[in-house]
Amino acid sequence: MVTSVSEHYSKRFTDLFHVLGEEFDRHVIEDPDFFSACIPPKAHTIVQLEVPESVNLRLRREVSLFNQWARDLVLKQSEPVVAVFKVDSHVLGRLGGYQ
């Protein structure tokens, strides 16, 4: 578990988290039937990024830190956990061109 994220990363991660959340919300609004069939009621969603192994190590490390930061943030706010629905970035890509 990431116990401390530098202020630099925290700002960047917060901004990215908001962008991904808006993108996810847009997909939910555009296709509510699909999401209501996939996501349990009152579930919290965790958007996780994926990068290919061919991407440089520094970026892969930052993506890994972001994914852990996002999981920790959502799980901390999910007490008691009803359900957690993980959305990988490639899923968003299939739903509407987001990569």
PDB file of N, CA and C in Angstrom:
ATOM      1  N   MET A   1       0.842  -1.174   0.000  1.00  0.00           N
ATOM      2  CA  MET A   1       0.000   0.000   0.000  1.00  0.00           C
ATOM      3  C   MET A   1       0.889   1.239   0.000  1.00  0.00           C
ATOM      4  N   VAL A   2       0.549   2.200  -0.844  1.00  0.00           N
ATOM      5  CA  VAL A   2       1.308   3.433  -0.892  1.00  0.00           C
ATOM      6  C   VAL A   2       0.935   4.257   0.330  1.00  0.00           C
ATOM      7  N   THR A   3       1.918   4.547   1.155  1.00  0.00           N
ATOM      8  CA  THR A   3       1.634   5.302   2.367  1.00  0.00           C
ATOM      9  C   THR A   3       1.822   6.786   2.158  1.00  0.00           C
ATOM     10  N   SER A   4       2.634   7.155   1.195  1.00  0.00           N
ATOM     11  CA  SER A   4       2.879   8.561   0.957  1.00  0.00           C
ATOM     12  C   SER A   4       3.171   8.770  -0.520  1.00  0.00           C
ATOM     13  N   VAL A   5       2.433   9.665  -1.119  1.00  0.00           N
ATOM     14  CA  VAL A   5       2.673  10.039  -2.498  1.00  0.00           C
ATOM     15  C   VAL A   5       3.113  11.492  -2.460  1.00  0.00           C
ATOM     16  N   SER A   6       4.195  11.783  -3.146  1.00  0.00           N
ATOM     17  CA  SER A   6       4.706  13.156  -3.121  1.00  0.00           C
ATOM     18  C   SER A   6       3.623  14.131  -3.575  1.00  0.00           C
ATOM     19  N   GLU A   7       3.783  15.380  -3.169  1.00  0.00           N
ATOM     20  CA  GLU A   7       2.815  16.403  -3.552  1.00  0.00           C
ATOM     21  C   GLU A   7       2.713  16.500  -5.075  1.00  0.00           C
ATOM     22  N   HIS A   8       3.836  16.347  -5.748  1.00  0.00           N
ATOM     23  CA  HIS A   8       3.863  16.380  -7.216  1.00  0.00           C
ATOM     24  C   HIS A   8       2.956  15.293  -7.796  1.00  0.00           C
ATOM     25  N   TYR A   9       3.139  14.071  -7.334  1.00  0.00           N
ATOM     26  CA  TYR A   9       2.312  12.970  -7.819  1.00  0.00           C
ATOM     27  C   TYR A   9       0.866  13.124  -7.376  1.00  0.00           C
ATOM     28  N   SER A  10       0.654  13.579  -6.177  1.00  0.00           N
ATOM     29  CA  SER A  10      -0.703  13.717  -5.670  1.00  0.00           C
ATOM     30  C   SER A  10      -1.530  14.641  -6.564  1.00  0.00           C
ATOM     31  N   LYS A  11      -0.989  15.760  -6.958  1.00  0.00           N
ATOM     32  CA  LYS A  11      -1.688  16.698  -7.846  1.00  0.00           C
ATOM     33  C   LYS A  11      -1.932  16.058  -9.211  1.00  0.00           C
ATOM     34  N   ARG A  12      -0.902  15.441  -9.767  1.00  0.00           N
ATOM     35  CA  ARG A  12      -1.049  14.797 -11.075  1.00  0.00           C
ATOM     36  C   ARG A  12      -2.069  13.666 -11.020  1.00  0.00           C
ATOM     37  N   PHE A  13      -2.002  12.846  -9.967  1.00  0.00           N
ATOM     38  CA  PHE A  13      -2.923  11.725  -9.831  1.00  0.00           C
ATOM     39  C   PHE A  13      -4.354  12.217  -9.636  1.00  0.00           C
ATOM     40  N   THR A  14      -4.529  13.273  -8.850  1.00  0.00           N
ATOM     41  CA  THR A  14      -5.871  13.823  -8.631  1.00  0.00           C
ATOM     42  C   THR A  14      -6.452  14.322  -9.945  1.00  0.00           C
ATOM     43  N   ASP A  15      -5.648  15.041 -10.722  1.00  0.00           N
ATOM     44  CA  ASP A  15      -6.117  15.535 -12.017  1.00  0.00           C
ATOM     45  C   ASP A  15      -6.488  14.377 -12.949  1.00  0.00           C
ATOM     46  N   LEU A  16      -5.637  13.375 -13.028  1.00  0.00           N
ATOM     47  CA  LEU A  16      -5.899  12.217 -13.876  1.00  0.00           C
ATOM     48  C   LEU A  16      -7.145  11.457 -13.398  1.00  0.00           C
ATOM     49  N   PHE A  17      -7.290  11.315 -12.099  1.00  0.00           N
ATOM     50  CA  PHE A  17      -8.435  10.634 -11.509  1.00  0.00           C
ATOM     51  C   PHE A  17      -9.736  11.322 -11.931  1.00  0.00           C
ATOM     52  N   HIS A  18      -9.729  12.657 -11.924  1.00  0.00           N
ATOM     53  CA  HIS A  18     -10.918  13.413 -12.334  1.00  0.00           C
ATOM     54  C   HIS A  18     -11.223  13.219 -13.817  1.00  0.00           C
ATOM     55  N   VAL A  19     -10.202  13.232 -14.654  1.00  0.00           N
ATOM     56  CA  VAL A  19     -10.401  13.029 -16.088  1.00  0.00           C
ATOM     57  C   VAL A  19     -10.973  11.635 -16.358  1.00  0.00           C
ATOM     58  N   LEU A  20     -10.383  10.630 -15.738  1.00  0.00           N
ATOM     59  CA  LEU A  20     -10.867   9.259 -15.934  1.00  0.00           C
ATOM     60  C   LEU A  20     -12.285   9.091 -15.390  1.00  0.00           C
ATOM     61  N   GLY A  21     -12.563   9.719 -14.257  1.00  0.00           N
ATOM     62  CA  GLY A  21     -13.911   9.657 -13.688  1.00  0.00           C
ATOM     63  C   GLY A  21     -14.943  10.287 -14.595  1.00  0.00           C
ATOM     64  N   GLU A  22     -14.603  11.431 -15.179  1.00  0.00           N
ATOM     65  CA  GLU A  22     -15.518  12.085 -16.112  1.00  0.00           C
ATOM     66  C   GLU A  22     -15.761  11.213 -17.339  1.00  0.00           C
ATOM     67  N   GLU A  23     -14.702  10.598 -17.841  1.00  0.00           N
ATOM     68  CA  GLU A  23     -14.828   9.715 -19.005  1.00  0.00           C
ATOM     69  C   GLU A  23     -15.721   8.514 -18.677  1.00  0.00           C
ATOM     70  N   PHE A  24     -15.492   7.927 -17.513  1.00  0.00           N
ATOM     71  CA  PHE A  24     -16.305   6.786 -17.093  1.00  0.00           C
ATOM     72  C   PHE A  24     -17.766   7.219 -16.939  1.00  0.00           C
ATOM     73  N   ASP A  25     -18.006   8.350 -16.286  1.00  0.00           N
ATOM     74  CA  ASP A  25     -19.373   8.849 -16.100  1.00  0.00           C
ATOM     75  C   ASP A  25     -20.069   9.077 -17.431  1.00  0.00           C
ATOM     76  N   ARG A  26     -19.322   9.600 -18.399  1.00  0.00           N
ATOM     77  CA  ARG A  26     -19.901   9.835 -19.725  1.00  0.00           C
ATOM     78  C   ARG A  26     -20.380   8.523 -20.337  1.00  0.00           C
ATOM     79  N   HIS A  27     -19.572   7.464 -20.200  1.00  0.00           N
ATOM     80  CA  HIS A  27     -19.974   6.161 -20.733  1.00  0.00           C
ATOM     81  C   HIS A  27     -21.200   5.626 -20.004  1.00  0.00           C
ATOM     82  N   VAL A  28     -21.269   5.824 -18.716  1.00  0.00           N
ATOM     83  CA  VAL A  28     -22.426   5.356 -17.946  1.00  0.00           C
ATOM     84  C   VAL A  28     -23.691   6.073 -18.404  1.00  0.00           C
ATOM     85  N   ILE A  29     -23.589   7.371 -18.617  1.00  0.00           N
ATOM     86  CA  ILE A  29     -24.751   8.154 -19.056  1.00  0.00           C
ATOM     87  C   ILE A  29     -25.184   7.742 -20.461  1.00  0.00           C
ATOM     88  N   GLU A  30     -24.216   7.477 -21.327  1.00  0.00           N
ATOM     89  CA  GLU A  30     -24.538   7.108 -22.711  1.00  0.00           C
ATOM     90  C   GLU A  30     -25.098   5.695 -22.843  1.00  0.00           C
ATOM     91  N   ASP A  31     -24.740   4.802 -21.947  1.00  0.00           N
ATOM     92  CA  ASP A  31     -25.204   3.418 -22.042  1.00  0.00           C
ATOM     93  C   ASP A  31     -25.544   2.868 -20.657  1.00  0.00           C
ATOM     94  N   PRO A  32     -26.564   3.424 -20.010  1.00  0.00           N
ATOM     95  CA  PRO A  32     -26.888   3.013 -18.634  1.00  0.00           C
ATOM     96  C   PRO A  32     -27.285   1.545 -18.507  1.00  0.00           C
ATOM     97  N   ASP A  33     -27.904   0.978 -19.534  1.00  0.00           N
ATOM     98  CA  ASP A  33     -28.310  -0.432 -19.456  1.00  0.00           C
ATOM     99  C   ASP A  33     -27.107  -1.360 -19.363  1.00  0.00           C
ATOM    100  N   PHE A  34     -26.073  -1.078 -20.143  1.00  0.00           N
ATOM    101  CA  PHE A  34     -24.862  -1.883 -20.097  1.00  0.00           C
ATOM    102  C   PHE A  34     -24.264  -1.858 -18.700  1.00  0.00           C
ATOM    103  N   PHE A  35     -24.130  -0.673 -18.138  1.00  0.00           N
ATOM    104  CA  PHE A  35     -23.484  -0.550 -16.839  1.00  0.00           C
ATOM    105  C   PHE A  35     -24.354  -1.084 -15.703  1.00  0.00           C
ATOM    106  N   SER A  36     -25.651  -0.913 -15.798  1.00  0.00           N
ATOM    107  CA  SER A  36     -26.504  -1.454 -14.730  1.00  0.00           C
ATOM    108  C   SER A  36     -26.459  -2.978 -14.727  1.00  0.00           C
ATOM    109  N   ALA A  37     -26.171  -3.580 -15.879  1.00  0.00           N
ATOM    110  CA  ALA A  37     -26.044  -5.044 -15.944  1.00  0.00           C
ATOM    111  C   ALA A  37     -24.688  -5.508 -15.413  1.00  0.00           C
ATOM    112  N   CYS A  38     -23.681  -4.634 -15.450  1.00  0.00           N
ATOM    113  CA  CYS A  38     -22.314  -5.013 -15.065  1.00  0.00           C
ATOM    114  C   CYS A  38     -21.927  -4.615 -13.651  1.00  0.00           C
ATOM    115  N   ILE A  39     -22.452  -3.491 -13.188  1.00  0.00           N
ATOM    116  CA  ILE A  39     -22.011  -2.937 -11.905  1.00  0.00           C
ATOM    117  C   ILE A  39     -23.083  -3.171 -10.853  1.00  0.00           C
ATOM    118  N   PRO A  40     -22.722  -3.816  -9.749  1.00  0.00           N
ATOM    119  CA  PRO A  40     -23.695  -4.030  -8.677  1.00  0.00           C
ATOM    120  C   PRO A  40     -24.180  -2.689  -8.096  1.00  0.00           C
ATOM    121  N   PRO A  41     -25.421  -2.651  -7.612  1.00  0.00           N
ATOM    122  CA  PRO A  41     -25.922  -1.424  -6.986  1.00  0.00           C
ATOM    123  C   PRO A  41     -25.009  -0.985  -5.834  1.00  0.00           C
ATOM    124  N   LYS A  42     -24.802   0.307  -5.725  1.00  0.00           N
ATOM    125  CA  LYS A  42     -24.002   0.935  -4.667  1.00  0.00           C
ATOM    126  C   LYS A  42     -22.521   0.550  -4.706  1.00  0.00           C
ATOM    127  N   ALA A  43     -22.082  -0.004  -5.820  1.00  0.00           N
ATOM    128  CA  ALA A  43     -20.670  -0.378  -5.940  1.00  0.00           C
ATOM    129  C   ALA A  43     -19.820   0.875  -6.126  1.00  0.00           C
ATOM    130  N   HIS A  44     -18.602   0.803  -5.672  1.00  0.00           N
ATOM    131  CA  HIS A  44     -17.617   1.845  -5.942  1.00  0.00           C
ATOM    132  C   HIS A  44     -16.770   1.354  -7.114  1.00  0.00           C
ATOM    133  N   THR A  45     -16.417   2.270  -8.003  1.00  0.00           N
ATOM    134  CA  THR A  45     -15.614   1.876  -9.151  1.00  0.00           C
ATOM    135  C   THR A  45     -14.161   2.308  -8.962  1.00  0.00           C
ATOM    136  N   ILE A  46     -13.278   1.487  -9.456  1.00  0.00           N
ATOM    137  CA  ILE A  46     -11.854   1.794  -9.443  1.00  0.00           C
ATOM    138  C   ILE A  46     -11.373   1.700 -10.888  1.00  0.00           C
ATOM    139  N   VAL A  47     -10.975   2.830 -11.459  1.00  0.00           N
ATOM    140  CA  VAL A  47     -10.434   2.832 -12.810  1.00  0.00           C
ATOM    141  C   VAL A  47      -8.938   2.589 -12.704  1.00  0.00           C
ATOM    142  N   GLN A  48      -8.467   1.586 -13.426  1.00  0.00           N
ATOM    143  CA  GLN A  48      -7.055   1.225 -13.399  1.00  0.00           C
ATOM    144  C   GLN A  48      -6.485   1.349 -14.806  1.00  0.00           C
ATOM    145  N   LEU A  49      -5.296   1.916 -14.899  1.00  0.00           N
ATOM    146  CA  LEU A  49      -4.635   2.083 -16.183  1.00  0.00           C
ATOM    147  C   LEU A  49      -3.773   0.866 -16.485  1.00  0.00           C
ATOM    148  N   GLU A  50      -3.603   0.607 -17.763  1.00  0.00           N
ATOM    149  CA  GLU A  50      -2.711  -0.448 -18.209  1.00  0.00           C
ATOM    150  C   GLU A  50      -1.795   0.113 -19.274  1.00  0.00           C
ATOM    151  N   VAL A  51      -0.543  -0.281 -19.231  1.00  0.00           N
ATOM    152  CA  VAL A  51       0.417   0.108 -20.258  1.00  0.00           C
ATOM    153  C   VAL A  51       1.161  -1.141 -20.695  1.00  0.00           C
ATOM    154  N   PRO A  52       1.511  -1.206 -21.970  1.00  0.00           N
ATOM    155  CA  PRO A  52       2.239  -2.377 -22.450  1.00  0.00           C
ATOM    156  C   PRO A  52       3.644  -2.440 -21.858  1.00  0.00           C
ATOM    157  N   GLU A  53       4.179  -3.631 -21.823  1.00  0.00           N
ATOM    158  CA  GLU A  53       5.536  -3.837 -21.310  1.00  0.00           C
ATOM    159  C   GLU A  53       6.570  -3.042 -22.103  1.00  0.00           C
ATOM    160  N   SER A  54       6.255  -2.705 -23.331  1.00  0.00           N
ATOM    161  CA  SER A  54       7.210  -1.982 -24.170  1.00  0.00           C
ATOM    162  C   SER A  54       7.374  -0.518 -23.757  1.00  0.00           C
ATOM    163  N   VAL A  55       6.476  -0.017 -22.930  1.00  0.00           N
ATOM    164  CA  VAL A  55       6.556   1.370 -22.453  1.00  0.00           C
ATOM    165  C   VAL A  55       7.710   1.476 -21.466  1.00  0.00           C
ATOM    166  N   ASN A  56       8.355   2.632 -21.444  1.00  0.00           N
ATOM    167  CA  ASN A  56       9.540   2.776 -20.597  1.00  0.00           C
ATOM    168  C   ASN A  56       9.217   2.536 -19.117  1.00  0.00           C
ATOM    169  N   LEU A  57      10.228   2.120 -18.404  1.00  0.00           N
ATOM    170  CA  LEU A  57      10.088   1.720 -17.003  1.00  0.00           C
ATOM    171  C   LEU A  57       9.554   2.841 -16.122  1.00  0.00           C
ATOM    172  N   ARG A  58       9.994   4.064 -16.357  1.00  0.00           N
ATOM    173  CA  ARG A  58       9.538   5.195 -15.520  1.00  0.00           C
ATOM    174  C   ARG A  58       8.019   5.373 -15.628  1.00  0.00           C
ATOM    175  N   LEU A  59       7.489   5.328 -16.844  1.00  0.00           N
ATOM    176  CA  LEU A  59       6.052   5.481 -17.031  1.00  0.00           C
ATOM    177  C   LEU A  59       5.301   4.300 -16.422  1.00  0.00           C
ATOM    178  N   ARG A  60       5.815   3.101 -16.604  1.00  0.00           N
ATOM    179  CA  ARG A  60       5.163   1.920 -15.998  1.00  0.00           C
ATOM    180  C   ARG A  60       5.125   2.057 -14.480  1.00  0.00           C
ATOM    181  N   ARG A  61       6.202   2.583 -13.887  1.00  0.00           N
ATOM    182  CA  ARG A  61       6.243   2.788 -12.433  1.00  0.00           C
ATOM    183  C   ARG A  61       5.198   3.816 -12.006  1.00  0.00           C
ATOM    184  N   GLU A  62       5.086   4.917 -12.764  1.00  0.00           N
ATOM    185  CA  GLU A  62       4.098   5.941 -12.432  1.00  0.00           C
ATOM    186  C   GLU A  62       2.672   5.406 -12.557  1.00  0.00           C
ATOM    187  N   VAL A  63       2.421   4.606 -13.580  1.00  0.00           N
ATOM    188  CA  VAL A  63       1.098   4.005 -13.743  1.00  0.00           C
ATOM    189  C   VAL A  63       0.801   3.067 -12.572  1.00  0.00           C
ATOM    190  N   SER A  64       1.792   2.288 -12.166  1.00  0.00           N
ATOM    191  CA  SER A  64       1.624   1.394 -11.024  1.00  0.00           C
ATOM    192  C   SER A  64       1.322   2.187  -9.747  1.00  0.00           C
ATOM    193  N   LEU A  65       2.049   3.284  -9.543  1.00  0.00           N
ATOM    194  CA  LEU A  65       1.787   4.138  -8.372  1.00  0.00           C
ATOM    195  C   LEU A  65       0.386   4.736  -8.431  1.00  0.00           C
ATOM    196  N   PHE A  66      -0.025   5.191  -9.628  1.00  0.00           N
ATOM    197  CA  PHE A  66      -1.368   5.745  -9.770  1.00  0.00           C
ATOM    198  C   PHE A  66      -2.423   4.692  -9.461  1.00  0.00           C
ATOM    199  N   ASN A  67      -2.263   3.500 -10.006  1.00  0.00           N
ATOM    200  CA  ASN A  67      -3.245   2.446  -9.779  1.00  0.00           C
ATOM    201  C   ASN A  67      -3.379   2.127  -8.292  1.00  0.00           C
ATOM    202  N   GLN A  68      -2.259   2.054  -7.595  1.00  0.00           N
ATOM    203  CA  GLN A  68      -2.310   1.782  -6.153  1.00  0.00           C
ATOM    204  C   GLN A  68      -2.959   2.948  -5.410  1.00  0.00           C
ATOM    205  N   TRP A  69      -2.589   4.163  -5.769  1.00  0.00           N
ATOM    206  CA  TRP A  69      -3.159   5.365  -5.153  1.00  0.00           C
ATOM    207  C   TRP A  69      -4.676   5.394  -5.352  1.00  0.00           C
ATOM    208  N   ALA A  70      -5.146   5.101  -6.573  1.00  0.00           N
ATOM    209  CA  ALA A  70      -6.586   5.106  -6.875  1.00  0.00           C
ATOM    210  C   ALA A  70      -7.313   4.023  -6.084  1.00  0.00           C
ATOM    211  N   ARG A  71      -6.723   2.817  -6.022  1.00  0.00           N
ATOM    212  CA  ARG A  71      -7.344   1.730  -5.235  1.00  0.00           C
ATOM    213  C   ARG A  71      -7.448   2.118  -3.771  1.00  0.00           C
ATOM    214  N   ASP A  72      -6.353   2.646  -3.219  1.00  0.00           N
ATOM    215  CA  ASP A  72      -6.362   3.038  -1.806  1.00  0.00           C
ATOM    216  C   ASP A  72      -7.399   4.121  -1.533  1.00  0.00           C
ATOM    217  N   LEU A  73      -7.491   5.098  -2.436  1.00  0.00           N
ATOM    218  CA  LEU A  73      -8.446   6.191  -2.274  1.00  0.00           C
ATOM    219  C   LEU A  73      -9.880   5.673  -2.264  1.00  0.00           C
ATOM    220  N   VAL A  74     -10.212   4.846  -3.237  1.00  0.00           N
ATOM    221  CA  VAL A  74     -11.582   4.332  -3.343  1.00  0.00           C
ATOM    222  C   VAL A  74     -11.906   3.414  -2.166  1.00  0.00           C
ATOM    223  N   LEU A  75     -11.001   2.520  -1.828  1.00  0.00           N
ATOM    224  CA  LEU A  75     -11.278   1.587  -0.732  1.00  0.00           C
ATOM    225  C   LEU A  75     -11.389   2.311   0.609  1.00  0.00           C
ATOM    226  N   LYS A  76     -10.620   3.385   0.786  1.00  0.00           N
ATOM    227  CA  LYS A  76     -10.692   4.163   2.021  1.00  0.00           C
ATOM    228  C   LYS A  76     -12.064   4.826   2.152  1.00  0.00           C
ATOM    229  N   GLN A  77     -12.678   5.178   1.031  1.00  0.00           N
ATOM    230  CA  GLN A  77     -13.975   5.838   1.036  1.00  0.00           C
ATOM    231  C   GLN A  77     -15.131   4.849   0.925  1.00  0.00           C
ATOM    232  N   SER A  78     -14.841   3.565   0.912  1.00  0.00           N
ATOM    233  CA  SER A  78     -15.851   2.547   0.634  1.00  0.00           C
ATOM    234  C   SER A  78     -16.251   1.751   1.865  1.00  0.00           C
ATOM    235  N   GLU A  79     -16.129   2.312   3.032  1.00  0.00           N
ATOM    236  CA  GLU A  79     -16.469   1.571   4.247  1.00  0.00           C
ATOM    237  C   GLU A  79     -17.945   1.715   4.550  1.00  0.00           C
ATOM    238  N   PRO A  80     -18.685   0.689   4.793  1.00  0.00           N
ATOM    239  CA  PRO A  80     -18.297  -0.684   4.503  1.00  0.00           C
ATOM    240  C   PRO A  80     -18.344  -0.943   2.997  1.00  0.00           C
ATOM    241  N   VAL A  81     -17.500  -1.824   2.537  1.00  0.00           N
ATOM    242  CA  VAL A  81     -17.443  -2.127   1.113  1.00  0.00           C
ATOM    243  C   VAL A  81     -18.657  -2.960   0.729  1.00  0.00           C
ATOM    244  N   VAL A  82     -19.489  -2.396  -0.128  1.00  0.00           N
ATOM    245  CA  VAL A  82     -20.626  -3.133  -0.675  1.00  0.00           C
ATOM    246  C   VAL A  82     -20.126  -3.969  -1.841  1.00  0.00           C
ATOM    247  N   ALA A  83     -19.455  -3.322  -2.764  1.00  0.00           N
ATOM    248  CA  ALA A  83     -18.848  -3.992  -3.910  1.00  0.00           C
ATOM    249  C   ALA A  83     -17.888  -3.005  -4.545  1.00  0.00           C
ATOM    250  N   VAL A  84     -16.848  -3.534  -5.134  1.00  0.00           N
ATOM    251  CA  VAL A  84     -15.896  -2.705  -5.868  1.00  0.00           C
ATOM    252  C   VAL A  84     -15.843  -3.237  -7.285  1.00  0.00           C
ATOM    253  N   PHE A  85     -16.042  -2.359  -8.245  1.00  0.00           N
ATOM    254  CA  PHE A  85     -16.046  -2.720  -9.653  1.00  0.00           C
ATOM    255  C   PHE A  85     -14.815  -2.113 -10.294  1.00  0.00           C
ATOM    256  N   LYS A  86     -13.908  -2.948 -10.763  1.00  0.00           N
ATOM    257  CA  LYS A  86     -12.659  -2.484 -11.367  1.00  0.00           C
ATOM    258  C   LYS A  86     -12.868  -2.262 -12.859  1.00  0.00           C
ATOM    259  N   VAL A  87     -12.496  -1.085 -13.337  1.00  0.00           N
ATOM    260  CA  VAL A  87     -12.584  -0.753 -14.751  1.00  0.00           C
ATOM    261  C   VAL A  87     -11.179  -0.501 -15.261  1.00  0.00           C
ATOM    262  N   ASP A  88     -10.698  -1.388 -16.129  1.00  0.00           N
ATOM    263  CA  ASP A  88      -9.386  -1.196 -16.727  1.00  0.00           C
ATOM    264  C   ASP A  88      -9.492  -0.198 -17.869  1.00  0.00           C
ATOM    265  N   SER A  89      -8.417   0.506 -18.134  1.00  0.00           N
ATOM    266  CA  SER A  89      -8.421   1.512 -19.196  1.00  0.00           C
ATOM    267  C   SER A  89      -8.758   0.907 -20.556  1.00  0.00           C
ATOM    268  N   HIS A  90      -8.375  -0.354 -20.784  1.00  0.00           N
ATOM    269  CA  HIS A  90      -8.698  -0.958 -22.084  1.00  0.00           C
ATOM    270  C   HIS A  90     -10.202  -1.185 -22.225  1.00  0.00           C
ATOM    271  N   VAL A  91     -10.926  -1.343 -21.126  1.00  0.00           N
ATOM    272  CA  VAL A  91     -12.387  -1.463 -21.179  1.00  0.00           C
ATOM    273  C   VAL A  91     -12.984  -0.139 -21.637  1.00  0.00           C
ATOM    274  N   LEU A  92     -12.506   0.973 -21.067  1.00  0.00           N
ATOM    275  CA  LEU A  92     -12.988   2.279 -21.512  1.00  0.00           C
ATOM    276  C   LEU A  92     -12.681   2.476 -22.990  1.00  0.00           C
ATOM    277  N   GLY A  93     -11.535   2.000 -23.440  1.00  0.00           N
ATOM    278  CA  GLY A  93     -11.160   2.123 -24.839  1.00  0.00           C
ATOM    279  C   GLY A  93     -12.151   1.421 -25.752  1.00  0.00           C
ATOM    280  N   ARG A  94     -12.571   0.217 -25.370  1.00  0.00           N
ATOM    281  CA  ARG A  94     -13.538  -0.516 -26.180  1.00  0.00           C
ATOM    282  C   ARG A  94     -14.889   0.164 -26.177  1.00  0.00           C
ATOM    283  N   LEU A  95     -15.194   0.896 -25.101  1.00  0.00           N
ATOM    284  CA  LEU A  95     -16.501   1.526 -24.994  1.00  0.00           C
ATOM    285  C   LEU A  95     -16.600   2.846 -25.748  1.00  0.00           C
ATOM    286  N   GLY A  96     -15.479   3.450 -26.073  1.00  0.00           N
ATOM    287  CA  GLY A  96     -15.634   4.737 -26.749  1.00  0.00           C
ATOM    288  C   GLY A  96     -14.357   5.403 -27.202  1.00  0.00           C
ATOM    289  N   GLY A  97     -13.361   4.652 -27.534  1.00  0.00           N
ATOM    290  CA  GLY A  97     -12.170   5.250 -28.101  1.00  0.00           C
ATOM    291  C   GLY A  97     -11.168   5.769 -27.090  1.00  0.00           C
ATOM    292  N   TYR A  98     -11.366   5.560 -25.816  1.00  0.00           N
ATOM    293  CA  TYR A  98     -10.410   6.023 -24.825  1.00  0.00           C
ATOM    294  C   TYR A  98      -9.291   5.004 -24.705  1.00  0.00           C
ATOM    295  N   GLN A  99      -8.063   5.441 -24.763  1.00  0.00           N
ATOM    296  CA  GLN A  99      -6.937   4.516 -24.595  1.00  0.00           C
ATOM    297  C   GLN A  99      -5.986   5.075 -23.586  1.00  0.00           C
TER     298      GLN A  99
END
